[in-house]
N, C-alpha and C. Protein backbone atom coordinates (compact mmCIF):
# COMPACT_ATOMS: atom_id res chain seq x y z
N UNK A 1 14.15 8.97 -19.32
CA UNK A 1 14.58 7.60 -19.29
C UNK A 1 13.41 6.74 -19.79
N UNK A 2 13.76 5.73 -20.56
CA UNK A 2 12.76 4.78 -21.04
C UNK A 2 13.21 3.38 -20.64
N UNK A 3 12.29 2.62 -20.04
CA UNK A 3 12.57 1.25 -19.63
C UNK A 3 11.68 0.32 -20.43
N UNK A 4 12.29 -0.72 -20.99
CA UNK A 4 11.53 -1.71 -21.76
C UNK A 4 11.84 -3.09 -21.19
N UNK A 5 10.80 -3.84 -20.88
CA UNK A 5 10.93 -5.22 -20.43
C UNK A 5 10.41 -6.12 -21.55
N UNK A 6 11.24 -7.08 -21.96
CA UNK A 6 10.87 -7.99 -23.03
C UNK A 6 11.05 -9.42 -22.54
N UNK A 7 10.05 -10.25 -22.78
CA UNK A 7 10.15 -11.66 -22.39
C UNK A 7 11.10 -12.36 -23.35
N UNK A 8 12.13 -13.01 -22.78
CA UNK A 8 13.08 -13.77 -23.60
C UNK A 8 12.96 -15.27 -23.34
N UNK A 9 12.33 -15.64 -22.23
CA UNK A 9 12.05 -17.04 -21.88
C UNK A 9 10.96 -17.01 -20.82
N UNK A 10 10.44 -18.18 -20.48
CA UNK A 10 9.35 -18.21 -19.50
C UNK A 10 9.76 -17.65 -18.15
N UNK A 11 11.05 -17.71 -17.83
CA UNK A 11 11.52 -17.23 -16.53
C UNK A 11 12.56 -16.12 -16.64
N UNK A 12 12.69 -15.50 -17.82
CA UNK A 12 13.69 -14.44 -18.03
C UNK A 12 13.06 -13.25 -18.75
N UNK A 13 13.50 -12.05 -18.37
CA UNK A 13 13.10 -10.82 -19.06
C UNK A 13 14.34 -10.02 -19.38
N UNK A 14 14.32 -9.34 -20.51
CA UNK A 14 15.40 -8.41 -20.86
C UNK A 14 14.96 -7.02 -20.38
N UNK A 15 15.79 -6.40 -19.58
CA UNK A 15 15.56 -5.08 -18.99
C UNK A 15 16.46 -4.11 -19.74
N UNK A 16 15.86 -3.20 -20.53
CA UNK A 16 16.62 -2.24 -21.33
C UNK A 16 16.33 -0.84 -20.81
N UNK A 17 17.40 -0.09 -20.58
CA UNK A 17 17.28 1.29 -20.11
C UNK A 17 17.86 2.20 -21.18
N UNK A 18 17.05 3.15 -21.63
CA UNK A 18 17.51 4.16 -22.58
C UNK A 18 17.47 5.53 -21.93
N UNK A 19 18.55 6.26 -22.07
CA UNK A 19 18.62 7.63 -21.52
C UNK A 19 18.93 8.59 -22.65
N UNK A 20 18.52 9.82 -22.51
CA UNK A 20 18.75 10.82 -23.54
C UNK A 20 20.23 10.93 -23.88
N UNK A 21 20.54 10.74 -25.15
CA UNK A 21 21.90 10.90 -25.63
C UNK A 21 22.86 9.78 -25.27
N UNK A 22 22.40 8.76 -24.62
CA UNK A 22 23.28 7.65 -24.22
C UNK A 22 22.85 6.37 -24.93
N UNK A 23 23.79 5.50 -25.12
CA UNK A 23 23.49 4.20 -25.73
C UNK A 23 22.69 3.35 -24.74
N UNK A 24 21.63 2.68 -25.20
CA UNK A 24 20.83 1.85 -24.28
C UNK A 24 21.67 0.76 -23.65
N UNK A 25 21.34 0.43 -22.41
CA UNK A 25 22.00 -0.66 -21.69
C UNK A 25 20.95 -1.75 -21.46
N UNK A 26 21.38 -3.01 -21.53
CA UNK A 26 20.44 -4.12 -21.36
C UNK A 26 21.04 -5.22 -20.50
N UNK A 27 20.17 -5.88 -19.76
CA UNK A 27 20.53 -7.05 -18.96
C UNK A 27 19.37 -8.03 -18.99
N UNK A 28 19.70 -9.32 -19.05
CA UNK A 28 18.68 -10.36 -18.93
C UNK A 28 18.58 -10.73 -17.46
N UNK A 29 17.35 -10.79 -16.96
CA UNK A 29 17.13 -10.99 -15.54
C UNK A 29 16.14 -12.11 -15.28
N UNK A 30 16.30 -12.76 -14.15
CA UNK A 30 15.38 -13.78 -13.70
C UNK A 30 14.08 -13.08 -13.31
N UNK A 31 12.96 -13.51 -13.84
CA UNK A 31 11.69 -12.81 -13.70
C UNK A 31 11.15 -12.77 -12.29
N UNK A 32 11.12 -13.87 -11.61
CA UNK A 32 10.43 -13.95 -10.32
C UNK A 32 10.96 -12.95 -9.31
N UNK A 33 12.26 -12.95 -9.05
CA UNK A 33 12.80 -12.03 -8.05
C UNK A 33 12.84 -10.60 -8.58
N UNK A 34 13.10 -10.42 -9.86
CA UNK A 34 13.17 -9.07 -10.41
C UNK A 34 11.83 -8.36 -10.33
N UNK A 35 10.80 -9.00 -10.84
CA UNK A 35 9.49 -8.36 -10.83
C UNK A 35 8.95 -8.17 -9.43
N UNK A 36 9.27 -9.10 -8.55
CA UNK A 36 8.77 -9.02 -7.19
C UNK A 36 9.47 -8.01 -6.32
N UNK A 37 10.63 -7.57 -6.71
CA UNK A 37 11.41 -6.68 -5.85
C UNK A 37 11.70 -5.31 -6.50
N UNK A 38 12.36 -5.33 -7.65
CA UNK A 38 12.81 -4.08 -8.25
C UNK A 38 11.69 -3.20 -8.78
N UNK A 39 10.61 -3.79 -9.28
CA UNK A 39 9.52 -2.95 -9.77
C UNK A 39 8.77 -2.25 -8.63
N UNK A 40 8.85 -2.81 -7.43
CA UNK A 40 8.29 -2.13 -6.27
C UNK A 40 9.03 -0.82 -6.05
N UNK A 41 10.34 -0.82 -6.28
CA UNK A 41 11.12 0.41 -6.16
C UNK A 41 10.58 1.49 -7.09
N UNK A 42 10.29 1.12 -8.31
CA UNK A 42 9.78 2.10 -9.27
C UNK A 42 8.48 2.73 -8.77
N UNK A 43 7.57 1.92 -8.28
CA UNK A 43 6.30 2.42 -7.78
C UNK A 43 6.49 3.36 -6.60
N UNK A 44 7.26 2.94 -5.62
CA UNK A 44 7.48 3.77 -4.43
C UNK A 44 8.18 5.07 -4.79
N UNK A 45 9.20 5.00 -5.62
CA UNK A 45 9.93 6.20 -6.01
C UNK A 45 9.03 7.18 -6.76
N UNK A 46 8.18 6.67 -7.64
CA UNK A 46 7.27 7.55 -8.38
C UNK A 46 6.21 8.17 -7.48
N UNK A 47 5.58 7.36 -6.64
CA UNK A 47 4.51 7.85 -5.77
C UNK A 47 5.01 8.90 -4.79
N UNK A 48 6.19 8.66 -4.20
CA UNK A 48 6.69 9.57 -3.18
C UNK A 48 7.70 10.59 -3.70
N UNK A 49 7.98 10.56 -4.99
CA UNK A 49 8.86 11.56 -5.59
C UNK A 49 10.33 11.44 -5.22
N UNK A 50 10.77 10.22 -4.88
CA UNK A 50 12.18 10.01 -4.56
C UNK A 50 13.01 10.15 -5.82
N UNK A 51 14.06 10.94 -5.76
CA UNK A 51 14.94 11.10 -6.92
C UNK A 51 16.30 10.45 -6.72
N UNK A 52 16.61 10.03 -5.50
CA UNK A 52 17.91 9.42 -5.23
C UNK A 52 17.80 7.91 -5.01
N UNK A 53 16.65 7.32 -5.33
CA UNK A 53 16.48 5.88 -5.22
C UNK A 53 17.10 5.18 -6.42
N UNK A 54 16.85 3.89 -6.54
CA UNK A 54 17.44 3.10 -7.62
C UNK A 54 17.13 3.67 -9.01
N UNK A 55 15.85 3.90 -9.29
CA UNK A 55 15.49 4.37 -10.64
C UNK A 55 15.89 5.82 -10.87
N UNK A 56 15.88 6.63 -9.84
CA UNK A 56 16.37 8.00 -9.97
C UNK A 56 17.85 8.03 -10.31
N UNK A 57 18.62 7.20 -9.63
CA UNK A 57 20.06 7.11 -9.94
C UNK A 57 20.28 6.48 -11.31
N UNK A 58 19.47 5.51 -11.66
CA UNK A 58 19.60 4.88 -12.96
C UNK A 58 19.33 5.90 -14.07
N UNK A 59 18.36 6.78 -13.85
CA UNK A 59 18.06 7.82 -14.84
C UNK A 59 19.19 8.82 -14.97
N UNK A 60 19.92 9.06 -13.90
CA UNK A 60 20.95 10.09 -13.95
C UNK A 60 22.32 9.57 -14.39
N UNK A 61 22.84 8.52 -13.73
CA UNK A 61 24.20 8.15 -14.08
C UNK A 61 24.65 6.73 -13.73
N UNK A 62 23.92 6.02 -12.92
CA UNK A 62 24.38 4.70 -12.48
C UNK A 62 24.41 3.73 -13.64
N UNK A 63 25.44 2.91 -13.70
CA UNK A 63 25.56 1.91 -14.76
C UNK A 63 24.62 0.74 -14.46
N UNK A 64 24.08 0.17 -15.49
CA UNK A 64 23.19 -0.97 -15.35
C UNK A 64 24.05 -2.23 -15.27
N UNK A 65 24.46 -2.56 -14.08
CA UNK A 65 25.30 -3.73 -13.82
C UNK A 65 24.48 -4.79 -13.09
N UNK A 66 24.86 -6.04 -13.19
CA UNK A 66 24.10 -7.08 -12.48
C UNK A 66 23.97 -6.80 -10.99
N UNK A 67 24.99 -6.26 -10.37
CA UNK A 67 24.93 -6.00 -8.92
C UNK A 67 23.93 -4.91 -8.57
N UNK A 68 23.62 -3.99 -9.48
CA UNK A 68 22.65 -2.94 -9.19
C UNK A 68 21.23 -3.45 -9.27
N UNK A 69 21.02 -4.61 -9.85
CA UNK A 69 19.68 -5.15 -10.04
C UNK A 69 19.36 -6.32 -9.12
N UNK A 70 20.30 -6.73 -8.30
CA UNK A 70 20.06 -7.87 -7.43
C UNK A 70 19.40 -7.44 -6.14
N UNK A 71 18.56 -8.29 -5.64
CA UNK A 71 17.91 -8.05 -4.36
C UNK A 71 18.93 -8.28 -3.25
N UNK A 72 19.03 -7.35 -2.30
CA UNK A 72 19.97 -7.56 -1.20
C UNK A 72 19.53 -8.73 -0.33
N UNK A 73 20.47 -9.32 0.42
CA UNK A 73 20.09 -10.44 1.29
C UNK A 73 19.07 -10.01 2.32
N UNK A 74 18.17 -10.91 2.67
CA UNK A 74 17.14 -10.61 3.64
C UNK A 74 17.74 -10.40 5.02
N UNK A 75 17.28 -9.37 5.69
CA UNK A 75 17.75 -9.08 7.04
C UNK A 75 16.61 -9.15 8.03
N UNK A 76 15.54 -9.81 7.66
CA UNK A 76 14.37 -9.88 8.53
C UNK A 76 13.45 -8.70 8.28
N UNK A 77 12.47 -8.56 9.12
CA UNK A 77 11.49 -7.49 8.97
C UNK A 77 12.13 -6.14 9.26
N UNK A 78 11.72 -5.12 8.55
CA UNK A 78 12.21 -3.77 8.77
C UNK A 78 11.62 -3.21 10.03
N UNK A 79 12.35 -2.33 10.72
CA UNK A 79 11.78 -1.69 11.91
C UNK A 79 10.49 -0.96 11.54
N UNK A 80 9.49 -1.08 12.39
CA UNK A 80 8.23 -0.40 12.13
C UNK A 80 7.24 -1.23 11.33
N UNK A 81 7.65 -2.37 10.84
CA UNK A 81 6.77 -3.23 10.09
C UNK A 81 6.67 -4.57 10.80
N UNK A 82 5.49 -5.12 10.82
CA UNK A 82 5.34 -6.44 11.43
C UNK A 82 4.67 -7.38 10.45
N UNK A 83 5.00 -8.63 10.56
CA UNK A 83 4.40 -9.65 9.71
C UNK A 83 3.21 -10.24 10.44
N UNK A 84 2.13 -10.48 9.72
CA UNK A 84 0.95 -11.06 10.35
C UNK A 84 0.72 -12.46 9.85
C-alpha cells in the first residue's frame, strides 16, 4: 500500500491510497483533525504490528470513505489513562 498526502489548501490535504492491482482512491480532508488523529493510528499500528487496525484494513480491503476517516466522538479519557 502507498499513501500520498498532498496539500490542496492551507487547511486541506488530499489523502490518496494505492494498493497493488487496484485503482487509487482519494479523499480531500481537513488537515487539523486528520493529521492530529488518523496519523497517530499509522504510528501505533506500525510500532506494535497491528494488522487489523485502520491502516491494516485499508491495506487489505476497506473502502476509503469519508466515514472511515472521521474521528469518532469524544467519550472522555480512556480507562487506564489520566489527564494531567
